[in-house]
């Protein structure tokens, strides 16, 4: 982690089980039910991508959509996880 991120009410709703949220070299880092989560998302021209990895499980998910400004990719990823 390079930058610690304050867990405000919005982040607490997104990551209710997290004890920390940080940012490091282009990746968001946090814990979720005791697992280290590495994730990144992005938007361009009305399309979005969300990538989530759990290194200790050798597990990753990527969700691609044609939605803009939606939390659906996050929700789908966490439901799969």
Protein backbone atom coordinates (compact mmCIF):
# COMPACT_ATOMS: atom_id res chain seq x y z
CA UNK A 1 0.00 0.00 0.00
CA UNK A 2 1.17 3.50 -0.85
CA UNK A 3 -1.87 5.51 0.28
CA UNK A 4 -4.27 4.65 3.10
CA UNK A 5 -7.89 5.41 2.25
CA UNK A 6 -10.32 6.53 4.95
CA UNK A 7 -13.27 4.16 5.21
CA UNK A 8 -16.13 6.65 4.86
CA UNK A 9 -19.82 5.59 4.88
CA UNK A 10 -19.82 4.95 1.11
CA UNK A 11 -16.78 2.65 1.29
CA UNK A 12 -18.19 0.98 4.40
CA UNK A 13 -21.31 0.11 2.37
CA UNK A 14 -19.17 -1.30 -0.45
CA UNK A 15 -16.79 -3.21 1.85
CA UNK A 16 -18.68 -3.87 5.11
CA UNK A 17 -16.25 -6.54 6.33
CA UNK A 18 -13.04 -4.59 5.58
CA UNK A 19 -10.62 -3.45 8.24
CA UNK A 20 -8.50 -1.45 5.80
CA UNK A 21 -8.69 0.06 2.33
CA UNK A 22 -5.58 1.38 0.59
CA UNK A 23 -4.20 2.22 -2.83
CA UNK A 24 -0.88 1.09 -4.20
CA UNK A 25 0.71 1.36 -7.64
CA UNK A 26 -2.61 1.44 -9.52
CA UNK A 27 -4.43 -1.17 -7.42
CA UNK A 28 -6.96 -0.86 -4.62
CA UNK A 29 -6.18 -3.17 -1.71
CA UNK A 30 -8.43 -4.27 1.13
CA UNK A 31 -9.38 -7.26 3.20
CA UNK A 32 -12.62 -9.19 2.89
CA UNK A 33 -13.48 -11.98 5.35
CA UNK A 34 -9.79 -12.34 6.17
CA UNK A 35 -8.59 -12.50 2.55
CA UNK A 36 -6.43 -9.87 0.84
CA UNK A 37 -8.27 -8.44 -2.17
CA UNK A 38 -6.56 -6.63 -5.06
CA UNK A 39 -8.84 -4.83 -7.49
CA UNK A 40 -9.01 -2.19 -10.19
CA UNK A 41 -11.78 -0.79 -12.33
CA UNK A 42 -12.07 1.58 -15.22
CA UNK A 43 -14.47 3.31 -17.60
CA UNK A 44 -14.15 4.44 -21.20
CA UNK A 45 -16.73 5.35 -23.84
CA UNK A 46 -19.66 3.98 -21.85
CA UNK A 47 -17.98 0.63 -21.09
CA UNK A 48 -16.59 -0.57 -17.79
CA UNK A 49 -14.21 -3.22 -16.53
CA UNK A 50 -13.72 -4.54 -13.01
CA UNK A 51 -10.89 -6.89 -12.04
CA UNK A 52 -10.69 -8.55 -8.64
CA UNK A 53 -7.98 -10.97 -7.47
CA UNK A 54 -7.43 -13.02 -4.32
CA UNK A 55 -3.73 -13.99 -4.52
CA UNK A 56 -3.76 -16.53 -1.67
CA UNK A 57 -6.56 -18.46 -3.43
CA UNK A 58 -5.08 -18.17 -6.97
CA UNK A 59 -8.47 -16.72 -7.92
CA UNK A 60 -9.50 -13.82 -10.13
CA UNK A 61 -12.65 -12.38 -11.68
CA UNK A 62 -13.08 -9.83 -14.43
CA UNK A 63 -16.48 -8.34 -15.25
CA UNK A 64 -16.92 -6.35 -18.47
CA UNK A 65 -20.10 -4.35 -19.10
CA UNK A 66 -21.51 -1.69 -21.36
CA UNK A 67 -22.72 0.25 -18.32
CA UNK A 68 -21.42 3.58 -17.12
CA UNK A 69 -21.32 4.67 -13.47
CA UNK A 70 -22.81 1.45 -12.12
CA UNK A 71 -21.81 -0.70 -9.17
CA UNK A 72 -23.14 -3.81 -10.94
CA UNK A 73 -19.63 -5.12 -11.83
CA UNK A 74 -18.62 -4.84 -8.16
CA UNK A 75 -21.79 -6.58 -7.02
CA UNK A 76 -21.43 -9.42 -9.53
CA UNK A 77 -17.79 -9.95 -8.56
CA UNK A 78 -18.50 -10.10 -4.85
CA UNK A 79 -21.48 -12.42 -5.39
CA UNK A 80 -19.26 -14.81 -7.41
CA UNK A 81 -16.51 -14.59 -4.81
